[in-house]
C-alpha atoms as a PDB file:
ATOM      1  CA  MET A   1      34.322 -63.201 -20.549  1.00  0.00           C
ATOM      2  CA  ALA A   2      35.182 -59.759 -19.191  1.00  0.00           C
ATOM      3  CA  ASN A   3      32.738 -56.912 -19.515  1.00  0.00           C
ATOM      4  CA  PRO A   4      33.647 -54.550 -22.358  1.00  0.00           C
ATOM      5  CA  THR A   5      34.620 -50.938 -21.755  1.00  0.00           C
ATOM      6  CA  PRO A   6      32.760 -48.071 -23.427  1.00  0.00           C
ATOM      7  CA  ASP A   7      35.776 -47.624 -25.740  1.00  0.00           C
ATOM      8  CA  GLU A   8      35.572 -51.276 -26.796  1.00  0.00           C
ATOM      9  CA  VAL A   9      31.844 -51.021 -27.512  1.00  0.00           C
ATOM     10  CA  GLN A  10      32.554 -47.900 -29.557  1.00  0.00           C
ATOM     11  CA  GLN A  11      35.216 -49.795 -31.539  1.00  0.00           C
ATOM     12  CA  TYR A  12      32.830 -52.718 -32.141  1.00  0.00           C
ATOM     13  CA  ILE A  13      30.143 -50.404 -33.531  1.00  0.00           C
ATOM     14  CA  ALA A  14      32.614 -48.414 -35.649  1.00  0.00           C
ATOM     15  CA  ALA A  15      34.039 -51.621 -37.147  1.00  0.00           C
ATOM     16  CA  GLY A  16      30.618 -52.682 -38.437  1.00  0.00           C
ATOM     17  CA  LEU A  17      28.885 -49.392 -39.208  1.00  0.00           C
ATOM     18  CA  PRO A  18      30.253 -46.251 -40.878  1.00  0.00           C
ATOM     19  CA  CYS A  19      29.625 -43.370 -38.453  1.00  0.00           C
ATOM     20  CA  THR A  20      30.164 -39.644 -38.738  1.00  0.00           C
ATOM     21  CA  HIS A  21      29.836 -39.317 -34.947  1.00  0.00           C
ATOM     22  CA  LEU A  22      29.943 -42.026 -32.302  1.00  0.00           C
ATOM     23  CA  ALA A  23      30.071 -41.697 -28.527  1.00  0.00           C
ATOM     24  CA  VAL A  24      29.567 -44.481 -25.988  1.00  0.00           C
ATOM     25  CA  GLU A  25      29.258 -44.181 -22.210  1.00  0.00           C
ATOM     26  CA  GLY A  26      28.729 -46.957 -19.718  1.00  0.00           C
ATOM     27  CA  ASP A  27      29.761 -48.977 -16.703  1.00  0.00           C
ATOM     28  CA  GLY A  28      30.711 -52.298 -18.309  1.00  0.00           C
ATOM     29  CA  GLN A  29      27.189 -53.727 -18.333  1.00  0.00           C
ATOM     30  CA  HIS A  30      24.883 -50.855 -19.276  1.00  0.00           C
ATOM     31  CA  PHE A  31      25.795 -48.550 -22.150  1.00  0.00           C
ATOM     32  CA  PHE A  32      24.399 -45.469 -23.874  1.00  0.00           C
ATOM     33  CA  ALA A  33      25.482 -44.711 -27.432  1.00  0.00           C
ATOM     34  CA  THR A  34      24.925 -41.710 -29.660  1.00  0.00           C
ATOM     35  CA  ILE A  35      25.384 -42.916 -33.222  1.00  0.00           C
ATOM     36  CA  VAL A  36      25.259 -40.749 -36.343  1.00  0.00           C
ATOM     37  CA  SER A  37      25.368 -42.552 -39.676  1.00  0.00           C
ATOM     38  CA  GLY A  38      24.305 -41.901 -43.240  1.00  0.00           C
ATOM     39  CA  GLU A  39      23.043 -45.505 -43.305  1.00  0.00           C
ATOM     40  CA  PHE A  40      20.130 -44.388 -41.110  1.00  0.00           C
ATOM     41  CA  GLU A  41      18.656 -42.205 -43.886  1.00  0.00           C
ATOM     42  CA  GLY A  42      15.064 -43.235 -44.582  1.00  0.00           C
ATOM     43  CA  LYS A  43      15.022 -45.896 -41.857  1.00  0.00           C
ATOM     44  CA  SER A  44      12.709 -46.147 -38.849  1.00  0.00           C
ATOM     45  CA  ARG A  45      14.123 -46.114 -35.323  1.00  0.00           C
ATOM     46  CA  VAL A  46      13.624 -49.896 -35.092  1.00  0.00           C
ATOM     47  CA  MET A  47      15.515 -50.463 -38.349  1.00  0.00           C
ATOM     48  CA  ARG A  48      18.331 -48.185 -37.152  1.00  0.00           C
ATOM     49  CA  HIS A  49      18.648 -50.121 -33.901  1.00  0.00           C
ATOM     50  CA  GLN A  50      18.617 -53.415 -35.797  1.00  0.00           C
ATOM     51  CA  ARG A  51      21.488 -52.119 -37.927  1.00  0.00           C
ATOM     52  CA  VAL A  52      23.523 -51.343 -34.787  1.00  0.00           C
ATOM     53  CA  TYR A  53      22.733 -54.800 -33.376  1.00  0.00           C
ATOM     54  CA  GLN A  54      23.938 -56.262 -36.667  1.00  0.00           C
ATOM     55  CA  ALA A  55      27.221 -54.353 -36.315  1.00  0.00           C
ATOM     56  CA  LEU A  56      27.654 -55.709 -32.774  1.00  0.00           C
ATOM     57  CA  GLY A  57      26.780 -59.275 -33.771  1.00  0.00           C
ATOM     58  CA  ASP A  58      27.143 -61.930 -31.054  1.00  0.00           C
ATOM     59  CA  ARG A  59      28.640 -59.391 -28.646  1.00  0.00           C
ATOM     60  CA  MET A  60      25.128 -58.059 -28.058  1.00  0.00           C
ATOM     61  CA  ARG A  61      24.079 -61.410 -26.619  1.00  0.00           C
ATOM     62  CA  GLU A  62      27.339 -62.461 -24.996  1.00  0.00           C
ATOM     63  CA  GLN A  63      29.017 -59.317 -23.624  1.00  0.00           C
ATOM     64  CA  ILE A  64      26.691 -56.332 -23.673  1.00  0.00           C
ATOM     65  CA  HIS A  65      23.803 -56.647 -21.247  1.00  0.00           C
ATOM     66  CA  ALA A  66      22.022 -53.367 -22.017  1.00  0.00           C
ATOM     67  CA  LEU A  67      22.483 -50.772 -24.740  1.00  0.00           C
ATOM     68  CA  SER A  68      20.418 -47.608 -25.050  1.00  0.00           C
ATOM     69  CA  MET A  69      20.868 -45.756 -28.315  1.00  0.00           C
ATOM     70  CA  LYS A  70      20.231 -42.430 -29.906  1.00  0.00           C
ATOM     71  CA  THR A  71      20.484 -43.044 -33.650  1.00  0.00           C
ATOM     72  CA  LEU A  72      20.558 -40.025 -35.954  1.00  0.00           C
ATOM     73  CA  THR A  73      21.234 -39.176 -39.569  1.00  0.00           C
ATOM     74  CA  PRO A  74      23.908 -36.527 -40.217  1.00  0.00           C
ATOM     75  CA  ALA A  75      21.142 -33.985 -40.976  1.00  0.00           C
ATOM     76  CA  GLU A  76      19.321 -34.793 -37.721  1.00  0.00           C
ATOM     77  CA  TRP A  77      22.612 -34.470 -35.823  1.00  0.00           C
ATOM     78  CA  ALA A  78      23.369 -31.101 -37.450  1.00  0.00           C
ATOM     79  CA  ALA A  79      19.891 -29.830 -36.573  1.00  0.00           C
ATOM     80  CA  GLN A  80      20.486 -30.677 -32.904  1.00  0.00           C
ATOM     81  CA  SER A  81      23.835 -28.901 -32.679  1.00  0.00           C
END
């Protein structure tokens, strides 16, 4: 199975998680994602990451070798900008 591109990883996340901002960078094996979603409201960082893993499903085990994430609520994102 070919390594996914950053655009493909972004599409996989967007298909399983409503995002107000989503950016993915990477080299085909290691990825970094900035994910902003209202679903993260009231959730710990671990729970947010679990939600992203849920959106990626089996791809996380089969195609994506490493994924670093910055998971933010829309309010947290706005405060950073």
